[in-house]
Amino acid sequence: MKIDPASSAPLYQQIATDIRGKIVDGTLAVGDRLPPHRELSRTYGVSLITINKALSGLVSEGVLNSRVGRGTSVAIRPAALPVTSPWQVPQAMNDSSPMLGFVLRDLNSPFFSTVANAAEEHAHRSGYGMLMLSSGNVAEREDAQLRRLLEVGVKGVVIVSMSRSSYQLSPSVRRLQERAFPFVMTSYTVGENVPFVGCDYDRAGELVGQHFATLGRRRWGYITDRFDSPSGDARSAGFRRVAEAHDVPVNDAFVFEYPYEGEWNDYHSGRDLAEYIARLRERPDALYVYNDLGALGLIEGLIATGIRVPDDIAVVGFDGIPLSASSPVPLTTVRQPVEQIGALAVDAVLAQVRGEPWRLPNLVVPTLVIRKSCGAPAAMRTRDPALAKAPPPAGRLPQSLAEHGRRERERLAFGRGGNPPP
């Protein structure tokens, strides 16, 4: 194939198109080994870097296999595949309109989708477009997406895709770090010296603890996502410190974990934990919950069992999602400044792109939004525009969340181990 340097399609795309065409028309069969990279470089009249770029994309797509010491071979014959590049770069993605990449774990997450929107708006104001991809909390998909973003020539990447199961950098993110490619994390990470923009979890816990102390609560509890969760530990560290300082140490019997995995199951975790807590002989009188979705489920469950919120148990969530104001008892929550986090994440990436200094890490201070669920008198409640909307009748959640809860509850059938919390 003759490569056309004057074409608007990048050279590596033209090469990938040619190779795919040879597989489709049978010139290359499944199992056939491609010539060495240097030979391909001479054949196409391009650099080794361009050859590597073309082949790595086909490998990530599954069309080719690549093994150290065994070369590159054809993996599949995509019979119905058009002879065009799978990475056709949109017209907007050129040097006159540079792009940033954004990889997040779940587009349905109320928190991370808000961060994504804020980042996209700030990138646009800074003269950059943004290409967003969702990993679905699958490490292999995240790796493939990061490779694809590099293939299409993004200038930098914002990553919000860390799995709750590890909170460790994936191999693809480590490769970005090794190459000094501009990127920033907005997901919590453990012991990593990486560009990070996010909420000051320690300060968040302090705010909750100080508020419980002000209200005179004496039996403090905490609900985490998992007992071995680094993120959960970080959110509770300041909370526990304040508890010790006020001589109300957190009783281990009042520390609970979500019984189900996955963010959109957190509502059910809170709901079912409420049923368990209601059966305890001695109960906490104040609970700090890992996130708002879990706190919403908890409040709904407590009300269903006859426990009064906040009179019997005060509840505080974390994140500050819009639904937090729509609980049967409007939820007091630690609000993460998502707009600021999204904007600062873009600024951190652009600073690296431009070779400018930037701060590592950049922790953003959260705020405590005080509503009825904490038991505060009306004079103490934070003014919140969301409260101007009338909440649903007591004991009922907004239809969208309640319906989602019903469907997921049927699907999970108590999820972990087939049984509800003990």
Protein backbone atom coordinates (compact mmCIF):
# COMPACT_ATOMS: atom_id res chain seq x y z
CA MET A 1 0.00 0.00 0.00
CA LYS A 2 1.23 3.46 -0.83
CA ILE A 3 1.09 5.80 2.17
CA ASP A 4 -0.18 9.28 1.37
CA PRO A 5 1.59 11.84 3.58
CA ALA A 6 -0.76 14.54 2.29
CA SER A 7 -3.85 12.69 3.49
CA SER A 8 -5.79 14.06 6.47
CA ALA A 9 -5.65 10.56 7.99
CA PRO A 10 -2.55 10.02 10.16
CA LEU A 11 0.03 7.58 8.81
CA TYR A 12 -0.54 4.99 11.53
CA GLN A 13 -4.26 4.96 10.68
CA GLN A 14 -3.51 4.39 7.00
CA ILE A 15 -1.26 1.45 7.91
CA ALA A 16 -3.87 -0.02 10.26
CA THR A 17 -6.48 0.31 7.51
CA ASP A 18 -4.22 -1.54 5.07
CA ILE A 19 -3.52 -4.40 7.48
CA ARG A 20 -7.19 -4.76 8.37
CA GLY A 21 -8.05 -4.84 4.67
CA LYS A 22 -5.56 -7.66 4.05
CA ILE A 23 -7.13 -9.66 6.87
CA VAL A 24 -10.64 -9.08 5.55
CA ASP A 25 -9.78 -10.07 1.95
CA GLY A 26 -7.85 -13.15 3.06
CA THR A 27 -4.35 -12.01 2.15
CA LEU A 28 -3.53 -12.51 5.82
CA ALA A 29 -5.12 -15.53 7.52
CA VAL A 30 -5.68 -16.22 11.22
CA GLY A 31 -2.37 -17.34 12.69
CA ASP A 32 -0.24 -15.70 10.00
CA ARG A 33 2.73 -13.86 11.40
CA LEU A 34 3.37 -10.29 10.31
CA PRO A 35 6.86 -9.26 9.14
CA PRO A 36 9.19 -7.80 11.79
CA HIS A 37 8.57 -4.18 12.70
CA ARG A 38 11.73 -2.99 10.95
CA GLU A 39 10.68 -4.69 7.72
CA LEU A 40 7.22 -3.12 7.96
CA SER A 41 8.90 0.23 8.56
CA ARG A 42 10.85 -0.14 5.30
CA THR A 43 7.80 -1.44 3.39
CA TYR A 44 5.58 1.47 4.38
CA GLY A 45 8.38 4.03 4.42
CA VAL A 46 7.60 5.24 7.93
CA SER A 47 9.32 5.24 11.32
CA LEU A 48 9.27 2.39 13.82
CA ILE A 49 7.22 4.59 16.15
CA THR A 50 4.48 4.86 13.52
CA ILE A 51 4.51 1.08 12.97
CA ASN A 52 4.30 0.45 16.72
CA LYS A 53 1.39 2.87 16.96
CA ALA A 54 -0.55 1.14 14.18
CA LEU A 55 0.02 -2.39 15.47
CA SER A 56 -0.62 -1.63 19.15
CA GLY A 57 -4.07 -0.33 18.27
CA LEU A 58 -4.91 -3.53 16.37
CA VAL A 59 -3.61 -5.58 19.29
CA SER A 60 -5.76 -3.69 21.82
CA GLU A 61 -8.76 -4.22 19.53
CA GLY A 62 -8.09 -7.97 19.48
CA VAL A 63 -7.39 -8.20 15.73
CA LEU A 64 -3.71 -9.02 16.30
CA ASN A 65 -1.77 -10.94 18.94
CA SER A 66 1.65 -9.82 20.10
CA ARG A 67 4.00 -12.00 22.16
CA VAL A 68 7.54 -11.24 23.26
CA GLY A 69 9.93 -13.39 21.24
CA ARG A 70 7.14 -14.64 18.95
CA GLY A 71 6.26 -11.53 17.02
CA THR A 72 2.84 -10.28 15.93
CA SER A 73 0.22 -12.53 14.33
CA VAL A 74 -3.38 -12.37 13.15
CA ALA A 75 -5.84 -13.23 15.93
CA ILE A 76 -9.20 -12.98 14.19
CA ARG A 77 -10.68 -12.42 10.73
CA PRO A 78 -13.31 -9.69 11.13
CA ALA A 79 -15.43 -10.73 8.14
CA ALA A 80 -17.91 -7.87 8.31
CA LEU A 81 -15.44 -5.20 9.26
CA PRO A 82 -15.15 -2.25 6.91
CA VAL A 83 -11.71 -1.44 5.58
CA THR A 84 -11.42 1.75 7.60
CA SER A 85 -9.49 2.66 10.67
CA PRO A 86 -11.15 1.87 14.01
CA TRP A 87 -9.58 5.02 15.40
CA GLN A 88 -10.92 7.52 12.91
CA VAL A 89 -10.09 10.76 14.63
CA PRO A 90 -12.93 13.30 14.67
CA GLN A 91 -12.24 16.45 12.70
CA ALA A 92 -12.24 18.40 15.98
CA MET A 93 -9.26 16.39 17.23
CA ASN A 94 -6.47 18.22 15.51
CA ASP A 95 -3.85 20.70 16.62
CA SER A 96 -6.20 23.65 16.20
CA SER A 97 -8.64 22.09 18.67
CA PRO A 98 -6.59 19.97 21.12
CA MET A 99 -8.27 17.28 23.18
CA LEU A 100 -8.00 15.89 26.70
CA GLY A 101 -9.12 12.40 27.70
CA PHE A 102 -11.35 11.55 30.65
CA VAL A 103 -11.75 7.98 31.94
CA LEU A 104 -14.30 7.36 34.68
CA ARG A 105 -15.56 4.26 36.40
CA ASP A 106 -19.31 4.64 35.93
CA LEU A 107 -21.27 7.19 33.92
CA ASN A 108 -24.28 6.49 36.17
CA SER A 109 -22.44 7.55 39.33
CA PRO A 110 -24.05 10.77 40.62
CA PHE A 111 -20.72 11.98 41.98
CA PHE A 112 -18.31 11.11 39.17
CA SER A 113 -20.66 12.19 36.39
CA THR A 114 -20.81 15.61 38.06
CA VAL A 115 -17.01 15.76 38.20
CA ALA A 116 -16.92 14.83 34.50
CA ASN A 117 -19.34 17.59 33.56
CA ALA A 118 -17.37 20.17 35.54
CA ALA A 119 -14.10 19.04 33.94
CA GLU A 120 -15.57 19.18 30.43
CA GLU A 121 -16.89 22.70 30.94
CA HIS A 122 -13.56 23.94 32.31
CA ALA A 123 -11.63 22.26 29.50
CA HIS A 124 -13.89 23.97 26.95
CA ARG A 125 -13.27 27.36 28.57
CA SER A 126 -9.54 26.61 28.36
CA GLY A 127 -9.74 25.90 24.63
CA TYR A 128 -9.71 22.09 24.84
CA GLY A 129 -12.25 19.48 23.90
CA MET A 130 -12.72 16.37 26.03
CA LEU A 131 -13.19 12.75 24.99
CA MET A 132 -14.92 10.78 27.78
CA LEU A 133 -14.86 7.00 28.22
CA SER A 134 -16.29 4.75 30.94
CA SER A 135 -14.31 1.76 32.18
CA GLY A 136 -17.28 0.06 33.84
CA ASN A 137 -14.91 -0.72 36.74
CA VAL A 138 -13.09 -3.26 34.51
CA ALA A 139 -9.30 -2.94 34.63
CA GLU A 140 -8.79 -4.45 31.17
CA ARG A 141 -11.23 -1.98 29.66
CA GLU A 142 -9.49 0.91 31.39
CA ASP A 143 -6.16 -0.24 29.94
CA ALA A 144 -7.62 -0.45 26.43
CA GLN A 145 -9.27 2.95 26.74
CA LEU A 146 -6.10 4.66 27.90
CA ARG A 147 -4.23 3.15 24.96
CA ARG A 148 -6.93 4.37 22.61
CA LEU A 149 -6.79 7.88 24.03
CA LEU A 150 -3.05 7.95 23.40
CA GLU A 151 -3.60 6.65 19.87
CA VAL A 152 -5.96 9.47 18.98
CA GLY A 153 -3.49 12.02 20.29
CA VAL A 154 -5.03 13.51 23.42
CA LYS A 155 -2.69 15.93 25.18
CA GLY A 156 -3.42 14.67 28.69
CA VAL A 157 -5.81 12.50 30.70
CA VAL A 158 -8.02 12.90 33.79
CA ILE A 159 -8.59 9.51 35.44
CA VAL A 160 -11.53 8.80 37.76
CA SER A 161 -11.60 5.05 37.35
CA MET A 162 -9.92 3.42 40.34
CA SER A 163 -11.57 0.19 41.46
CA ARG A 164 -12.89 0.11 45.01
CA SER A 165 -11.36 -3.34 45.35
CA SER A 166 -7.74 -2.15 45.36
CA TYR A 167 -7.33 1.65 45.18
CA GLN A 168 -4.02 0.89 43.43
CA LEU A 169 -2.74 2.23 40.13
CA SER A 170 -3.43 -0.02 37.16
CA PRO A 171 -0.53 -1.05 34.87
CA SER A 172 -1.71 1.39 32.20
CA VAL A 173 -1.65 4.31 34.63
CA ARG A 174 1.82 3.30 35.79
CA ARG A 175 2.96 3.39 32.18
CA LEU A 176 1.67 6.96 31.89
CA GLN A 177 3.66 7.81 35.00
CA GLU A 178 6.83 6.20 33.64
CA ARG A 179 6.50 8.09 30.34
CA ALA A 180 5.84 11.39 32.15
CA PHE A 181 2.64 11.72 30.12
CA PRO A 182 0.38 14.48 31.51
CA PHE A 183 -2.35 12.98 33.71
CA VAL A 184 -4.09 13.49 37.04
CA MET A 185 -6.09 11.22 39.32
CA THR A 186 -9.30 12.29 41.03
CA SER A 187 -9.89 8.81 42.49
CA TYR A 188 -8.48 7.95 45.90
CA THR A 189 -5.15 6.09 45.70
CA VAL A 190 -3.03 4.40 48.33
CA GLY A 191 0.57 5.40 48.94
CA GLU A 192 1.19 6.67 45.42
CA ASN A 193 3.25 9.71 44.49
CA VAL A 194 1.00 10.71 41.60
CA PRO A 195 -0.75 13.90 40.49
CA PHE A 196 -3.96 13.92 42.52
CA VAL A 197 -6.83 16.35 42.94
CA GLY A 198 -9.56 15.42 45.38
CA CYS A 199 -11.38 15.95 48.62
CA ASP A 200 -9.56 16.21 51.96
CA TYR A 201 -11.11 13.09 53.49
CA ASP A 202 -9.43 13.65 56.84
CA ARG A 203 -10.97 17.11 57.20
CA ALA A 204 -14.35 15.69 56.17
CA GLY A 205 -14.29 13.27 59.09
CA GLU A 206 -13.34 16.06 61.47
CA LEU A 207 -16.32 18.14 60.36
CA VAL A 208 -18.73 15.28 61.06
CA GLY A 209 -17.18 14.50 64.44
CA GLN A 210 -17.24 18.12 65.55
CA HIS A 211 -20.88 18.37 64.56
CA PHE A 212 -21.87 15.23 66.47
CA ALA A 213 -20.03 16.60 69.50
CA THR A 214 -21.86 19.94 69.22
CA LEU A 215 -25.18 18.09 69.21
CA GLY A 216 -24.23 16.12 72.32
CA ARG A 217 -24.40 12.71 70.67
CA ARG A 218 -22.58 10.05 72.72
CA ARG A 219 -22.82 6.77 70.78
CA TRP A 220 -21.10 7.39 67.47
CA GLY A 221 -21.00 4.86 64.66
CA TYR A 222 -19.59 4.62 61.15
CA ILE A 223 -20.69 2.71 58.04
CA THR A 224 -17.86 1.97 55.59
CA ASP A 225 -17.89 0.38 52.16
CA ARG A 226 -15.59 -2.43 53.38
CA PHE A 227 -13.77 -3.07 56.64
CA ASP A 228 -10.45 -3.21 54.74
CA SER A 229 -11.20 -0.17 52.58
CA PRO A 230 -8.39 2.43 52.41
CA SER A 231 -10.89 5.03 51.23
CA GLY A 232 -13.26 4.19 54.07
CA ASP A 233 -10.41 4.41 56.57
CA ALA A 234 -9.36 7.78 55.18
CA ARG A 235 -12.89 9.17 55.48
CA SER A 236 -13.18 8.02 59.10
CA ALA A 237 -9.69 8.93 60.41
CA GLY A 238 -10.51 12.52 61.36
CA PHE A 239 -13.90 11.40 62.67
CA ARG A 240 -12.27 8.92 65.06
CA ARG A 241 -9.74 11.52 66.21
CA VAL A 242 -12.46 13.96 67.17
CA ALA A 243 -14.37 11.16 68.91
CA GLU A 244 -11.32 10.35 71.06
CA ALA A 245 -10.80 14.03 71.86
CA HIS A 246 -14.39 14.28 73.15
CA ASP A 247 -14.14 11.03 75.11
CA VAL A 248 -16.69 9.26 72.92
CA PRO A 249 -14.50 6.69 71.13
CA VAL A 250 -16.23 4.90 68.27
CA ASN A 251 -17.48 1.54 69.53
CA ASP A 252 -16.40 -1.29 67.21
CA ALA A 253 -19.91 -2.72 67.63
CA PHE A 254 -21.18 0.41 65.88
CA VAL A 255 -18.91 0.09 62.83
CA PHE A 256 -20.62 -1.62 59.89
CA GLU A 257 -19.74 -2.42 56.28
CA TYR A 258 -21.90 -2.47 53.17
CA PRO A 259 -23.10 -6.03 52.50
CA TYR A 260 -23.22 -5.53 48.72
CA GLU A 261 -20.56 -4.41 46.25
CA GLY A 262 -20.94 -1.72 43.60
CA GLU A 263 -21.93 1.91 44.00
CA TRP A 264 -25.46 1.49 42.70
CA ASN A 265 -26.00 -1.22 45.34
CA ASP A 266 -25.02 1.14 48.16
CA TYR A 267 -28.63 2.22 48.65
CA HIS A 268 -29.60 -1.42 49.35
CA SER A 269 -26.66 -1.81 51.69
CA GLY A 270 -27.90 1.12 53.76
CA ARG A 271 -31.49 -0.13 53.63
CA ASP A 272 -30.63 -3.63 54.83
CA LEU A 273 -28.16 -2.42 57.44
CA ALA A 274 -31.00 -0.34 58.90
CA GLU A 275 -32.98 -3.53 59.48
CA TYR A 276 -30.00 -5.06 61.26
CA ILE A 277 -29.35 -1.95 63.38
CA ALA A 278 -33.02 -1.85 64.38
CA ARG A 279 -32.63 -5.32 65.93
CA LEU A 280 -29.66 -4.32 68.11
CA ARG A 281 -30.26 -4.11 71.84
CA GLU A 282 -28.01 -1.05 72.05
CA ARG A 283 -27.88 1.23 69.03
CA PRO A 284 -25.71 4.16 67.98
CA ASP A 285 -27.35 7.56 68.29
CA ALA A 286 -25.31 9.08 65.43
CA LEU A 287 -24.08 7.43 62.21
CA TYR A 288 -21.58 8.73 59.67
CA VAL A 289 -22.11 6.89 56.36
CA TYR A 290 -19.53 6.25 53.62
CA ASN A 291 -21.62 7.97 50.93
CA ASP A 292 -24.99 9.61 50.33
CA LEU A 293 -26.53 6.65 48.51
CA GLY A 294 -25.92 4.43 51.53
CA ALA A 295 -27.21 7.13 53.88
CA LEU A 296 -30.40 7.51 51.82
CA GLY A 297 -31.05 3.78 52.05
CA LEU A 298 -30.28 3.84 55.77
CA ILE A 299 -32.79 6.61 56.48
CA GLU A 300 -35.47 4.86 54.44
CA GLY A 301 -34.82 1.61 56.30
CA LEU A 302 -34.76 3.19 59.75
CA ILE A 303 -38.07 4.93 59.14
CA ALA A 304 -39.59 1.67 57.92
CA THR A 305 -38.63 -0.03 61.20
CA GLY A 306 -40.09 2.75 63.34
CA ILE A 307 -36.80 4.39 64.30
CA ARG A 308 -36.99 8.18 64.25
CA VAL A 309 -34.41 10.17 62.32
CA PRO A 310 -32.89 12.26 63.82
CA ASP A 311 -34.48 11.85 67.27
CA ASP A 312 -33.28 8.27 67.78
CA ILE A 313 -30.39 8.16 65.31
CA ALA A 314 -28.79 11.12 63.52
CA VAL A 315 -27.41 10.37 60.04
CA VAL A 316 -24.71 12.13 58.01
CA GLY A 317 -23.72 11.15 54.47
CA PHE A 318 -20.78 11.96 52.21
CA ASP A 319 -20.57 13.41 48.66
CA GLY A 320 -23.35 16.00 48.52
CA ILE A 321 -25.26 14.53 45.57
CA PRO A 322 -28.52 16.32 44.61
CA LEU A 323 -30.66 13.42 45.88
CA SER A 324 -29.38 14.06 49.41
CA ALA A 325 -31.92 16.87 49.78
CA SER A 326 -34.78 14.61 48.67
CA SER A 327 -34.69 12.06 51.47
CA PRO A 328 -37.81 11.63 53.66
CA VAL A 329 -35.65 13.45 56.19
CA PRO A 330 -33.32 15.76 54.22
CA LEU A 331 -29.80 14.45 54.61
CA THR A 332 -26.94 16.24 56.32
CA THR A 333 -23.90 15.51 54.17
CA VAL A 334 -20.25 16.32 53.61
CA ARG A 335 -20.29 18.00 50.23
CA GLN A 336 -17.30 17.45 47.98
CA PRO A 337 -16.74 20.57 45.85
CA VAL A 338 -17.08 18.64 42.61
CA GLU A 339 -17.01 21.67 40.33
CA GLN A 340 -13.74 22.78 41.90
CA ILE A 341 -12.29 19.27 41.73
CA GLY A 342 -13.16 18.97 38.03
CA ALA A 343 -11.68 22.38 37.20
CA LEU A 344 -8.50 21.83 39.23
CA ALA A 345 -7.99 18.41 37.62
CA VAL A 346 -8.05 20.00 34.17
CA ASP A 347 -5.73 22.78 35.36
CA ALA A 348 -3.27 20.19 36.72
CA VAL A 349 -3.17 18.34 33.39
CA LEU A 350 -2.78 21.54 31.37
CA ALA A 351 0.03 22.71 33.65
CA GLN A 352 1.92 19.50 32.82
CA VAL A 353 1.18 19.92 29.11
CA ARG A 354 2.63 23.44 29.21
CA GLY A 355 5.57 22.52 31.42
CA GLU A 356 4.35 24.78 34.22
CA PRO A 357 4.70 24.06 37.97
CA TRP A 358 1.79 22.38 39.73
CA ARG A 359 1.14 21.20 43.28
CA LEU A 360 1.11 17.53 44.31
CA PRO A 361 -1.33 16.56 45.71
CA ASN A 362 -4.07 19.19 45.62
CA LEU A 363 -6.59 18.57 48.41
CA VAL A 364 -9.86 20.47 48.30
CA VAL A 365 -11.62 21.31 51.56
CA PRO A 366 -15.19 19.95 51.82
CA THR A 367 -18.15 21.60 53.56
CA LEU A 368 -20.78 20.21 55.90
CA VAL A 369 -24.30 20.84 54.61
CA ILE A 370 -26.53 20.71 57.68
CA ARG A 371 -30.09 19.48 57.23
CA LYS A 372 -32.70 17.74 59.39
CA SER A 373 -31.14 14.26 59.49
CA CYS A 374 -28.44 15.37 61.92
CA GLY A 375 -30.95 16.64 64.48
CA ALA A 376 -29.73 20.22 64.33
CA PRO A 377 -32.15 22.98 65.27
CA ALA A 378 -33.46 24.98 62.33
CA ALA A 379 -31.18 27.94 63.14
CA MET A 380 -28.09 25.75 62.53
CA ARG A 381 -29.14 24.30 59.20
CA THR A 382 -27.14 25.35 56.18
CA ARG A 383 -29.03 27.40 53.65
CA ASP A 384 -29.45 25.11 50.67
CA PRO A 385 -31.37 25.90 47.47
CA ALA A 386 -32.18 22.22 47.12
CA LEU A 387 -34.38 22.45 50.21
CA ALA A 388 -36.68 24.88 48.44
CA LYS A 389 -38.19 21.87 46.71
CA ALA A 390 -40.70 19.98 48.81
CA PRO A 391 -39.36 16.54 49.82
CA PRO A 392 -41.40 13.44 49.03
CA PRO A 393 -43.82 12.12 51.68
CA ALA A 394 -42.13 10.51 54.69
CA GLY A 395 -41.06 6.96 54.07
CA ARG A 396 -40.77 7.35 50.31
CA LEU A 397 -37.81 7.95 48.04
CA PRO A 398 -37.89 9.71 44.66
CA GLN A 399 -39.45 7.32 42.13
CA SER A 400 -36.28 6.88 40.06
CA LEU A 401 -34.17 5.72 43.00
CA ALA A 402 -36.95 3.65 44.55
CA GLU A 403 -37.63 1.84 41.27
CA HIS A 404 -33.93 1.23 40.73
CA GLY A 405 -33.76 -0.16 44.25
CA ARG A 406 -36.62 -2.57 43.62
CA ARG A 407 -35.05 -3.93 40.43
CA GLU A 408 -31.58 -4.29 41.94
CA ARG A 409 -32.95 -5.92 45.08
CA GLU A 410 -34.69 -8.58 43.00
CA ARG A 411 -31.53 -9.13 40.93
CA LEU A 412 -29.15 -9.36 43.84
CA ALA A 413 -31.28 -11.57 46.11
CA PHE A 414 -29.09 -10.43 49.00
CA GLY A 415 -25.92 -10.46 46.87
CA ARG A 416 -23.09 -11.59 49.09
CA GLY A 417 -23.54 -15.15 50.26
CA GLY A 418 -27.27 -15.18 49.57
CA ASN A 419 -28.11 -13.88 53.04
CA PRO A 420 -28.97 -10.50 54.55
CA PRO A 421 -26.63 -8.95 57.13
CA PRO A 422 -26.58 -11.06 60.33
